[in-house]
Amino acid sequence: MTTSYQILDQGEIERILKRMAHQILERHSGTKDLALIGIHTRGVFLARRLQANLEAAESVQIPCGEIDITLYRDDWTQISHQPLVKQTDIPFSVDGKQIVLVDDVLYTGRTVRAAMDAVIDFGRPARIELAVLIDRGHRELPIQGDYTGKQITTRRSEVVNVLLSEYDGQDAVVVKPA
């Protein structure tokens, strides 16, 4: 049995999010029609941090929403008979927007697929991209991040925990045995 180990601390997470914001701006040549949507739970906080970095760099407001994908998951009936559904709040039209979905960990790709289905139920974006803090591999669907903070090699038997101060009281990324 392996022990837990930390792969990112608060400063590293901040630097990664600043870099990702600049990559988004570079790829989009600015912020025209750009919007962020965070996937519950920690993707919402990461999206807000990216929003703050983008707005600081460009001095414009970037629309930001949050989406719960619980009922879009292909395994929601296996999770619970009464799944806990969180708030979805997309306070802008997604039609014609360059949407950047934001999540904490990219693993099998199933969460992202569910999030894309949910976004499309709100309209027809011009494009959907993906920003993830951690890509841990082990894909089951052909999905990849457009903006990846850190790519790590993990075992399927390990868990990657992203801790964020807004939810967990601290910023860190920890890998531990399942």
N, C-alpha and C. Protein backbone atom coordinates (compact mmCIF):
# COMPACT_ATOMS: atom_id res chain seq x y z
N MET A 1 0.84 -1.18 0.00
CA MET A 1 0.00 0.00 0.00
C MET A 1 0.88 1.24 0.00
N THR A 2 0.57 2.18 -0.88
CA THR A 2 1.35 3.41 -0.97
C THR A 2 0.76 4.44 -0.02
N THR A 3 1.53 5.48 0.21
CA THR A 3 1.06 6.56 1.07
C THR A 3 0.62 7.75 0.22
N SER A 4 -0.08 8.68 0.85
CA SER A 4 -0.51 9.89 0.15
C SER A 4 0.69 10.78 -0.12
N TYR A 5 0.60 11.53 -1.22
CA TYR A 5 1.64 12.51 -1.50
C TYR A 5 1.02 13.71 -2.21
N GLN A 6 1.57 14.87 -1.93
CA GLN A 6 1.07 16.12 -2.50
C GLN A 6 1.82 16.41 -3.79
N ILE A 7 1.06 16.79 -4.84
CA ILE A 7 1.72 17.11 -6.10
C ILE A 7 1.65 18.60 -6.43
N LEU A 8 0.70 19.33 -5.84
CA LEU A 8 0.62 20.78 -6.05
C LEU A 8 0.27 21.46 -4.73
N ASP A 9 0.86 22.64 -4.52
CA ASP A 9 0.49 23.46 -3.37
C ASP A 9 -0.23 24.72 -3.86
N GLN A 10 -0.57 25.60 -2.96
CA GLN A 10 -1.33 26.80 -3.29
C GLN A 10 -0.65 27.65 -4.37
N GLY A 11 0.63 27.91 -4.21
CA GLY A 11 1.35 28.74 -5.17
C GLY A 11 1.39 28.12 -6.56
N GLU A 12 1.58 26.82 -6.61
CA GLU A 12 1.62 26.13 -7.90
C GLU A 12 0.25 26.16 -8.58
N ILE A 13 -0.80 26.00 -7.81
CA ILE A 13 -2.14 26.07 -8.38
C ILE A 13 -2.41 27.47 -8.94
N GLU A 14 -2.02 28.50 -8.21
CA GLU A 14 -2.19 29.88 -8.68
C GLU A 14 -1.44 30.12 -9.98
N ARG A 15 -0.19 29.67 -10.05
CA ARG A 15 0.61 29.85 -11.28
C ARG A 15 0.00 29.10 -12.45
N ILE A 16 -0.48 27.89 -12.21
CA ILE A 16 -1.10 27.11 -13.28
C ILE A 16 -2.33 27.81 -13.81
N LEU A 17 -3.17 28.34 -12.93
CA LEU A 17 -4.40 29.01 -13.38
C LEU A 17 -4.09 30.30 -14.15
N LYS A 18 -3.05 31.01 -13.77
CA LYS A 18 -2.64 32.20 -14.53
C LYS A 18 -2.15 31.79 -15.92
N ARG A 19 -1.36 30.73 -15.97
CA ARG A 19 -0.86 30.24 -17.27
C ARG A 19 -2.02 29.80 -18.16
N MET A 20 -2.96 29.06 -17.59
CA MET A 20 -4.10 28.60 -18.36
C MET A 20 -4.93 29.78 -18.88
N ALA A 21 -5.10 30.81 -18.08
CA ALA A 21 -5.84 32.00 -18.52
C ALA A 21 -5.14 32.64 -19.72
N HIS A 22 -3.82 32.73 -19.67
CA HIS A 22 -3.09 33.32 -20.79
C HIS A 22 -3.15 32.43 -22.03
N GLN A 23 -3.16 31.12 -21.84
CA GLN A 23 -3.31 30.21 -22.98
C GLN A 23 -4.68 30.38 -23.63
N ILE A 24 -5.71 30.54 -22.82
CA ILE A 24 -7.06 30.76 -23.35
C ILE A 24 -7.09 32.05 -24.15
N LEU A 25 -6.53 33.12 -23.60
CA LEU A 25 -6.52 34.41 -24.30
C LEU A 25 -5.73 34.32 -25.60
N GLU A 26 -4.63 33.62 -25.57
CA GLU A 26 -3.80 33.49 -26.78
C GLU A 26 -4.54 32.70 -27.86
N ARG A 27 -5.16 31.60 -27.49
CA ARG A 27 -5.86 30.77 -28.48
C ARG A 27 -7.06 31.51 -29.06
N HIS A 28 -7.73 32.32 -28.24
CA HIS A 28 -8.94 33.01 -28.68
C HIS A 28 -8.66 34.42 -29.19
N SER A 29 -7.42 34.85 -29.15
CA SER A 29 -7.05 36.21 -29.55
C SER A 29 -7.92 37.24 -28.82
N GLY A 30 -8.11 37.02 -27.53
CA GLY A 30 -8.92 37.93 -26.72
C GLY A 30 -10.08 37.21 -26.08
N THR A 31 -11.16 37.98 -25.84
CA THR A 31 -12.28 37.42 -25.07
C THR A 31 -13.61 37.47 -25.80
N LYS A 32 -13.61 37.78 -27.09
CA LYS A 32 -14.87 37.89 -27.82
C LYS A 32 -15.64 36.56 -27.76
N ASP A 33 -16.89 36.63 -27.30
CA ASP A 33 -17.80 35.48 -27.20
C ASP A 33 -17.30 34.37 -26.26
N LEU A 34 -16.33 34.68 -25.42
CA LEU A 34 -15.78 33.70 -24.49
C LEU A 34 -16.64 33.62 -23.23
N ALA A 35 -16.88 32.41 -22.75
CA ALA A 35 -17.61 32.21 -21.49
C ALA A 35 -17.08 30.95 -20.82
N LEU A 36 -17.12 30.95 -19.50
CA LEU A 36 -16.66 29.81 -18.72
C LEU A 36 -17.85 29.14 -18.03
N ILE A 37 -17.78 27.83 -17.92
CA ILE A 37 -18.78 27.08 -17.15
C ILE A 37 -18.04 26.06 -16.31
N GLY A 38 -18.16 26.20 -14.99
CA GLY A 38 -17.52 25.27 -14.06
C GLY A 38 -18.42 24.09 -13.78
N ILE A 39 -17.83 22.90 -13.73
CA ILE A 39 -18.56 21.68 -13.41
C ILE A 39 -18.50 21.48 -11.90
N HIS A 40 -19.68 21.30 -11.29
CA HIS A 40 -19.73 21.12 -9.83
C HIS A 40 -18.89 19.94 -9.41
N THR A 41 -18.18 20.05 -8.34
CA THR A 41 -18.15 21.12 -7.36
C THR A 41 -16.92 22.00 -7.55
N ARG A 42 -15.77 21.40 -7.55
CA ARG A 42 -14.55 22.21 -7.57
C ARG A 42 -14.28 22.90 -8.90
N GLY A 43 -14.84 22.40 -9.97
CA GLY A 43 -14.71 23.08 -11.26
C GLY A 43 -15.33 24.47 -11.24
N VAL A 44 -16.35 24.66 -10.41
CA VAL A 44 -16.99 25.98 -10.28
C VAL A 44 -16.00 26.98 -9.70
N PHE A 45 -15.29 26.58 -8.64
CA PHE A 45 -14.32 27.48 -8.01
C PHE A 45 -13.13 27.75 -8.93
N LEU A 46 -12.70 26.73 -9.66
CA LEU A 46 -11.61 26.93 -10.61
C LEU A 46 -12.04 27.86 -11.74
N ALA A 47 -13.28 27.73 -12.21
CA ALA A 47 -13.79 28.62 -13.26
C ALA A 47 -13.80 30.06 -12.78
N ARG A 48 -14.21 30.28 -11.55
CA ARG A 48 -14.23 31.65 -11.00
C ARG A 48 -12.82 32.21 -10.88
N ARG A 49 -11.88 31.38 -10.51
CA ARG A 49 -10.48 31.85 -10.44
C ARG A 49 -9.95 32.17 -11.84
N LEU A 50 -10.26 31.30 -12.81
CA LEU A 50 -9.85 31.60 -14.19
C LEU A 50 -10.52 32.89 -14.67
N GLN A 51 -11.78 33.06 -14.35
CA GLN A 51 -12.51 34.28 -14.71
C GLN A 51 -11.78 35.51 -14.16
N ALA A 52 -11.39 35.46 -12.91
CA ALA A 52 -10.68 36.59 -12.29
C ALA A 52 -9.35 36.85 -13.00
N ASN A 53 -8.62 35.79 -13.36
CA ASN A 53 -7.35 35.97 -14.08
C ASN A 53 -7.57 36.55 -15.47
N LEU A 54 -8.59 36.08 -16.17
CA LEU A 54 -8.89 36.59 -17.51
C LEU A 54 -9.30 38.06 -17.44
N GLU A 55 -10.15 38.39 -16.48
CA GLU A 55 -10.62 39.77 -16.34
C GLU A 55 -9.49 40.70 -15.94
N ALA A 56 -8.57 40.23 -15.10
CA ALA A 56 -7.42 41.05 -14.72
C ALA A 56 -6.51 41.31 -15.91
N ALA A 57 -6.35 40.32 -16.76
CA ALA A 57 -5.47 40.45 -17.92
C ALA A 57 -6.07 41.33 -19.01
N GLU A 58 -7.39 41.28 -19.18
CA GLU A 58 -8.03 41.96 -20.31
C GLU A 58 -8.91 43.15 -19.92
N SER A 59 -9.16 43.34 -18.64
CA SER A 59 -10.01 44.44 -18.14
C SER A 59 -11.41 44.41 -18.76
N VAL A 60 -11.96 43.22 -18.92
CA VAL A 60 -13.34 43.03 -19.40
C VAL A 60 -14.00 41.97 -18.55
N GLN A 61 -15.33 41.98 -18.54
CA GLN A 61 -16.06 40.96 -17.80
C GLN A 61 -16.25 39.72 -18.67
N ILE A 62 -16.00 38.58 -18.08
CA ILE A 62 -16.16 37.29 -18.76
C ILE A 62 -17.35 36.59 -18.10
N PRO A 63 -18.35 36.19 -18.88
CA PRO A 63 -19.46 35.45 -18.28
C PRO A 63 -18.98 34.11 -17.70
N CYS A 64 -19.54 33.76 -16.55
CA CYS A 64 -19.16 32.52 -15.89
C CYS A 64 -20.41 31.87 -15.30
N GLY A 65 -20.57 30.60 -15.55
CA GLY A 65 -21.71 29.86 -15.01
C GLY A 65 -21.24 28.60 -14.33
N GLU A 66 -22.22 27.86 -13.80
CA GLU A 66 -21.92 26.60 -13.15
C GLU A 66 -22.96 25.57 -13.55
N ILE A 67 -22.51 24.34 -13.66
CA ILE A 67 -23.41 23.30 -14.14
C ILE A 67 -23.27 22.04 -13.28
N ASP A 68 -24.41 21.44 -12.98
CA ASP A 68 -24.44 20.16 -12.28
C ASP A 68 -24.78 19.09 -13.31
N ILE A 69 -24.00 18.05 -13.34
CA ILE A 69 -24.19 17.02 -14.37
C ILE A 69 -24.74 15.72 -13.81
N THR A 70 -25.18 15.75 -12.56
CA THR A 70 -25.61 14.52 -11.88
C THR A 70 -26.59 13.70 -12.72
N LEU A 71 -27.65 14.34 -13.20
CA LEU A 71 -28.68 13.60 -13.94
C LEU A 71 -28.29 13.30 -15.39
N TYR A 72 -27.14 13.81 -15.82
CA TYR A 72 -26.64 13.52 -17.17
C TYR A 72 -25.63 12.36 -17.15
N ARG A 73 -25.22 11.95 -15.96
CA ARG A 73 -24.24 10.87 -15.85
C ARG A 73 -24.83 9.56 -16.32
N ASP A 74 -24.01 8.71 -16.92
CA ASP A 74 -24.52 7.41 -17.36
C ASP A 74 -24.60 6.41 -16.22
N ASP A 75 -24.14 6.81 -15.03
CA ASP A 75 -24.18 5.91 -13.87
C ASP A 75 -24.97 6.49 -12.70
N TRP A 76 -25.80 7.51 -12.94
CA TRP A 76 -26.46 8.19 -11.82
C TRP A 76 -27.39 7.27 -11.04
N THR A 77 -27.95 6.26 -11.68
CA THR A 77 -28.83 5.34 -10.96
C THR A 77 -28.03 4.41 -10.05
N GLN A 78 -26.76 4.26 -10.32
CA GLN A 78 -25.90 3.41 -9.49
C GLN A 78 -25.34 4.17 -8.29
N ILE A 79 -25.34 5.50 -8.37
CA ILE A 79 -24.78 6.32 -7.30
C ILE A 79 -25.72 6.34 -6.09
N SER A 80 -27.02 6.57 -6.35
CA SER A 80 -27.98 6.69 -5.26
C SER A 80 -29.38 6.64 -5.83
N HIS A 81 -30.33 6.21 -5.01
CA HIS A 81 -31.72 6.23 -5.45
C HIS A 81 -32.24 7.66 -5.50
N GLN A 82 -31.67 8.54 -4.69
CA GLN A 82 -32.03 9.95 -4.69
C GLN A 82 -30.76 10.77 -4.75
N PRO A 83 -30.21 10.96 -5.94
CA PRO A 83 -28.94 11.68 -6.04
C PRO A 83 -29.09 13.14 -5.62
N LEU A 84 -28.03 13.68 -5.05
CA LEU A 84 -28.01 15.08 -4.63
C LEU A 84 -27.69 15.93 -5.86
N VAL A 85 -28.66 16.71 -6.29
CA VAL A 85 -28.48 17.56 -7.46
C VAL A 85 -28.17 18.98 -6.99
N LYS A 86 -27.07 19.51 -7.49
CA LYS A 86 -26.66 20.86 -7.12
C LYS A 86 -27.22 21.86 -8.14
N GLN A 87 -26.95 23.12 -7.89
CA GLN A 87 -27.50 24.18 -8.72
C GLN A 87 -26.79 24.28 -10.07
N THR A 88 -27.58 24.46 -11.11
CA THR A 88 -27.05 24.85 -12.41
C THR A 88 -27.45 26.30 -12.61
N ASP A 89 -26.47 27.14 -12.89
CA ASP A 89 -26.73 28.56 -13.09
C ASP A 89 -25.86 29.04 -14.25
N ILE A 90 -26.50 29.20 -15.39
CA ILE A 90 -25.81 29.74 -16.57
C ILE A 90 -26.55 31.03 -16.92
N PRO A 91 -26.06 32.16 -16.40
CA PRO A 91 -26.79 33.43 -16.53
C PRO A 91 -26.54 34.16 -17.86
N PHE A 92 -26.31 33.40 -18.92
CA PHE A 92 -26.07 33.98 -20.23
C PHE A 92 -26.50 32.95 -21.27
N SER A 93 -26.74 33.40 -22.47
CA SER A 93 -27.06 32.49 -23.56
C SER A 93 -25.78 31.80 -24.03
N VAL A 94 -25.83 30.50 -24.20
CA VAL A 94 -24.66 29.77 -24.70
C VAL A 94 -24.59 29.81 -26.23
N ASP A 95 -25.66 30.24 -26.88
CA ASP A 95 -25.72 30.28 -28.34
C ASP A 95 -24.58 31.12 -28.91
N GLY A 96 -23.79 30.50 -29.78
CA GLY A 96 -22.71 31.21 -30.45
C GLY A 96 -21.49 31.50 -29.59
N LYS A 97 -21.50 31.07 -28.35
CA LYS A 97 -20.38 31.36 -27.43
C LYS A 97 -19.25 30.34 -27.60
N GLN A 98 -18.08 30.79 -27.24
CA GLN A 98 -16.90 29.94 -27.13
C GLN A 98 -16.86 29.50 -25.66
N ILE A 99 -17.39 28.33 -25.37
CA ILE A 99 -17.53 27.86 -24.00
C ILE A 99 -16.27 27.10 -23.59
N VAL A 100 -15.75 27.45 -22.42
CA VAL A 100 -14.67 26.68 -21.82
C VAL A 100 -15.26 26.01 -20.57
N LEU A 101 -15.42 24.69 -20.65
CA LEU A 101 -15.83 23.91 -19.48
C LEU A 101 -14.62 23.78 -18.57
N VAL A 102 -14.84 23.91 -17.27
CA VAL A 102 -13.72 23.85 -16.32
C VAL A 102 -14.01 22.76 -15.29
N ASP A 103 -13.03 21.88 -15.09
CA ASP A 103 -13.16 20.83 -14.08
C ASP A 103 -11.82 20.65 -13.38
N ASP A 104 -11.88 19.96 -12.24
CA ASP A 104 -10.66 19.78 -11.46
C ASP A 104 -9.80 18.63 -11.98
N VAL A 105 -10.40 17.46 -12.20
CA VAL A 105 -9.64 16.29 -12.62
C VAL A 105 -10.28 15.66 -13.85
N LEU A 106 -9.48 15.39 -14.85
CA LEU A 106 -9.93 14.63 -16.02
C LEU A 106 -9.44 13.20 -15.84
N TYR A 107 -10.39 12.28 -15.85
CA TYR A 107 -10.07 10.87 -15.61
C TYR A 107 -10.62 10.05 -16.77
N THR A 108 -11.80 9.49 -16.66
CA THR A 108 -12.34 8.63 -17.71
C THR A 108 -12.90 9.41 -18.88
N GLY A 109 -13.32 10.64 -18.65
CA GLY A 109 -13.95 11.47 -19.67
C GLY A 109 -15.46 11.48 -19.57
N ARG A 110 -16.02 10.65 -18.72
CA ARG A 110 -17.47 10.55 -18.61
C ARG A 110 -18.12 11.80 -18.03
N THR A 111 -17.48 12.44 -17.07
CA THR A 111 -18.02 13.68 -16.51
C THR A 111 -18.08 14.76 -17.57
N VAL A 112 -17.04 14.88 -18.37
CA VAL A 112 -16.99 15.89 -19.43
C VAL A 112 -18.05 15.62 -20.48
N ARG A 113 -18.23 14.36 -20.86
CA ARG A 113 -19.28 14.02 -21.82
C ARG A 113 -20.64 14.43 -21.29
N ALA A 114 -20.90 14.15 -20.03
CA ALA A 114 -22.17 14.54 -19.41
C ALA A 114 -22.32 16.06 -19.38
N ALA A 115 -21.23 16.78 -19.10
CA ALA A 115 -21.28 18.24 -19.07
C ALA A 115 -21.56 18.82 -20.45
N MET A 116 -20.98 18.23 -21.49
CA MET A 116 -21.26 18.70 -22.85
C MET A 116 -22.73 18.50 -23.19
N ASP A 117 -23.27 17.35 -22.83
CA ASP A 117 -24.71 17.10 -23.06
C ASP A 117 -25.55 18.14 -22.35
N ALA A 118 -25.20 18.45 -21.11
CA ALA A 118 -25.96 19.43 -20.33
C ALA A 118 -25.87 20.82 -20.95
N VAL A 119 -24.70 21.23 -21.38
CA VAL A 119 -24.53 22.55 -21.99
C VAL A 119 -25.36 22.64 -23.26
N ILE A 120 -25.35 21.63 -24.07
CA ILE A 120 -26.08 21.64 -25.34
C ILE A 120 -27.59 21.73 -25.11
N ASP A 121 -28.06 21.26 -23.96
CA ASP A 121 -29.48 21.43 -23.62
C ASP A 121 -29.84 22.90 -23.42
N PHE A 122 -28.84 23.76 -23.20
CA PHE A 122 -29.08 25.19 -23.01
C PHE A 122 -28.98 25.98 -24.32
N GLY A 123 -28.52 25.36 -25.39
CA GLY A 123 -28.40 26.05 -26.66
C GLY A 123 -27.27 25.47 -27.49
N ARG A 124 -26.87 26.24 -28.50
CA ARG A 124 -25.85 25.76 -29.43
C ARG A 124 -24.62 26.67 -29.38
N PRO A 125 -23.63 26.28 -28.59
CA PRO A 125 -22.40 27.06 -28.56
C PRO A 125 -21.63 26.92 -29.88
N ALA A 126 -20.83 27.91 -30.20
CA ALA A 126 -19.98 27.83 -31.39
C ALA A 126 -18.89 26.76 -31.19
N ARG A 127 -18.46 26.62 -29.94
CA ARG A 127 -17.37 25.69 -29.64
C ARG A 127 -17.41 25.37 -28.15
N ILE A 128 -17.01 24.17 -27.80
CA ILE A 128 -16.83 23.80 -26.39
C ILE A 128 -15.41 23.29 -26.23
N GLU A 129 -14.69 23.91 -25.30
CA GLU A 129 -13.32 23.50 -24.97
C GLU A 129 -13.30 23.04 -23.52
N LEU A 130 -12.19 22.43 -23.12
CA LEU A 130 -12.07 21.91 -21.77
C LEU A 130 -10.79 22.39 -21.11
N ALA A 131 -10.95 22.92 -19.90
CA ALA A 131 -9.81 23.30 -19.07
C ALA A 131 -9.86 22.46 -17.80
N VAL A 132 -8.78 21.74 -17.53
CA VAL A 132 -8.71 20.90 -16.33
C VAL A 132 -7.42 21.19 -15.57
N LEU A 133 -7.52 21.17 -14.26
CA LEU A 133 -6.33 21.38 -13.44
C LEU A 133 -5.41 20.16 -13.53
N ILE A 134 -5.99 18.97 -13.44
CA ILE A 134 -5.20 17.73 -13.44
C ILE A 134 -5.75 16.76 -14.49
N ASP A 135 -4.87 16.20 -15.30
CA ASP A 135 -5.22 15.11 -16.21
C ASP A 135 -4.49 13.88 -15.68
N ARG A 136 -5.25 12.91 -15.21
CA ARG A 136 -4.64 11.72 -14.60
C ARG A 136 -4.66 10.50 -15.51
N GLY A 137 -5.15 10.65 -16.75
CA GLY A 137 -5.14 9.53 -17.68
C GLY A 137 -6.27 8.55 -17.44
N HIS A 138 -6.15 7.37 -18.00
CA HIS A 138 -7.12 6.28 -17.87
C HIS A 138 -8.44 6.59 -18.57
N ARG A 139 -8.39 7.19 -19.74
CA ARG A 139 -9.59 7.59 -20.47
C ARG A 139 -10.41 6.39 -20.91
N GLU A 140 -11.72 6.52 -20.81
CA GLU A 140 -12.67 5.55 -21.35
C GLU A 140 -13.39 6.12 -22.57
N LEU A 141 -13.33 7.43 -22.73
CA LEU A 141 -13.93 8.11 -23.87
C LEU A 141 -12.86 8.98 -24.53
N PRO A 142 -12.98 9.24 -25.84
CA PRO A 142 -11.95 10.02 -26.53
C PRO A 142 -12.08 11.52 -26.25
N ILE A 143 -11.74 11.91 -25.03
CA ILE A 143 -11.85 13.31 -24.60
C ILE A 143 -10.50 13.74 -24.05
N GLN A 144 -10.10 14.95 -24.40
CA GLN A 144 -8.83 15.47 -23.87
C GLN A 144 -9.01 16.94 -23.52
N GLY A 145 -8.17 17.43 -22.63
CA GLY A 145 -8.21 18.82 -22.24
C GLY A 145 -7.57 19.71 -23.31
N ASP A 146 -8.18 20.86 -23.53
CA ASP A 146 -7.57 21.87 -24.40
C ASP A 146 -6.55 22.68 -23.60
N TYR A 147 -6.81 22.82 -22.31
CA TYR A 147 -5.94 23.55 -21.40
C TYR A 147 -5.77 22.66 -20.17
N THR A 148 -4.57 22.15 -19.97
CA THR A 148 -4.31 21.22 -18.88
C THR A 148 -3.26 21.81 -17.96
N GLY A 149 -3.60 21.87 -16.67
CA GLY A 149 -2.66 22.40 -15.69
C GLY A 149 -1.47 21.49 -15.49
N LYS A 150 -1.75 20.24 -15.16
CA LYS A 150 -0.68 19.27 -14.92
C LYS A 150 -1.17 17.89 -15.31
N GLN A 151 -0.33 17.16 -16.03
CA GLN A 151 -0.63 15.80 -16.41
C GLN A 151 0.19 14.88 -15.50
N ILE A 152 -0.49 13.92 -14.88
CA ILE A 152 0.21 13.03 -13.96
C ILE A 152 -0.11 11.58 -14.32
N THR A 153 0.77 10.69 -13.91
CA THR A 153 0.56 9.27 -14.10
C THR A 153 0.06 8.70 -12.78
N THR A 154 -1.07 8.02 -12.83
CA THR A 154 -1.64 7.43 -11.62
C THR A 154 -2.01 5.99 -11.90
N ARG A 155 -2.24 5.28 -10.82
CA ARG A 155 -2.81 3.94 -10.91
C ARG A 155 -4.32 4.10 -10.80
N ARG A 156 -5.05 3.18 -11.37
CA ARG A 156 -6.51 3.21 -11.20
C ARG A 156 -6.90 3.07 -9.74
N SER A 157 -6.05 2.46 -8.96
CA SER A 157 -6.34 2.24 -7.54
C SER A 157 -6.07 3.49 -6.69
N GLU A 158 -5.62 4.56 -7.30
CA GLU A 158 -5.35 5.80 -6.56
C GLU A 158 -6.49 6.80 -6.79
N VAL A 159 -6.56 7.76 -5.88
CA VAL A 159 -7.55 8.84 -5.96
C VAL A 159 -6.78 10.15 -6.00
N VAL A 160 -7.20 11.07 -6.87
CA VAL A 160 -6.61 12.40 -6.93
C VAL A 160 -7.60 13.36 -6.29
N ASN A 161 -7.19 13.96 -5.20
CA ASN A 161 -8.04 14.92 -4.50
C ASN A 161 -7.54 16.34 -4.73
N VAL A 162 -8.38 17.15 -5.33
CA VAL A 162 -8.09 18.58 -5.46
C VAL A 162 -8.78 19.28 -4.30
N LEU A 163 -8.00 19.97 -3.51
CA LEU A 163 -8.52 20.73 -2.38
C LEU A 163 -8.45 22.21 -2.71
N LEU A 164 -9.55 22.91 -2.54
CA LEU A 164 -9.59 24.34 -2.83
C LEU A 164 -10.10 25.08 -1.59
N SER A 165 -9.50 26.22 -1.32
CA SER A 165 -9.81 26.96 -0.10
C SER A 165 -11.29 27.32 0.02
N GLU A 166 -11.95 27.59 -1.09
CA GLU A 166 -13.36 27.96 -1.05
C GLU A 166 -14.25 26.83 -0.52
N TYR A 167 -13.80 25.61 -0.65
CA TYR A 167 -14.61 24.45 -0.28
C TYR A 167 -13.95 23.62 0.83
N ASP A 168 -12.62 23.51 0.76
CA ASP A 168 -11.88 22.63 1.66
C ASP A 168 -11.03 23.35 2.70
N GLY A 169 -10.92 24.68 2.57
CA GLY A 169 -10.12 25.44 3.53
C GLY A 169 -8.64 25.52 3.20
N GLN A 170 -8.20 24.88 2.14
CA GLN A 170 -6.80 24.95 1.71
C GLN A 170 -6.71 24.61 0.23
N ASP A 171 -5.59 25.00 -0.38
CA ASP A 171 -5.33 24.67 -1.78
C ASP A 171 -4.22 23.64 -1.84
N ALA A 172 -4.51 22.50 -2.46
CA ALA A 172 -3.51 21.46 -2.65
C ALA A 172 -4.10 20.41 -3.58
N VAL A 173 -3.21 19.63 -4.19
CA VAL A 173 -3.62 18.44 -4.93
C VAL A 173 -2.84 17.28 -4.33
N VAL A 174 -3.60 16.27 -3.91
CA VAL A 174 -3.02 15.13 -3.20
C VAL A 174 -3.45 13.85 -3.91
N VAL A 175 -2.49 12.94 -4.06
CA VAL A 175 -2.78 11.59 -4.58
C VAL A 175 -2.68 10.64 -3.41
N LYS A 176 -3.71 9.77 -3.30
CA LYS A 176 -3.70 8.82 -2.18
C LYS A 176 -4.29 7.49 -2.63
N PRO A 177 -4.04 6.44 -1.87
CA PRO A 177 -4.64 5.15 -2.21
C PRO A 177 -6.16 5.22 -2.07
N ALA A 178 -6.87 4.44 -2.87
CA ALA A 178 -8.33 4.44 -2.83
C ALA A 178 -8.84 3.80 -1.55
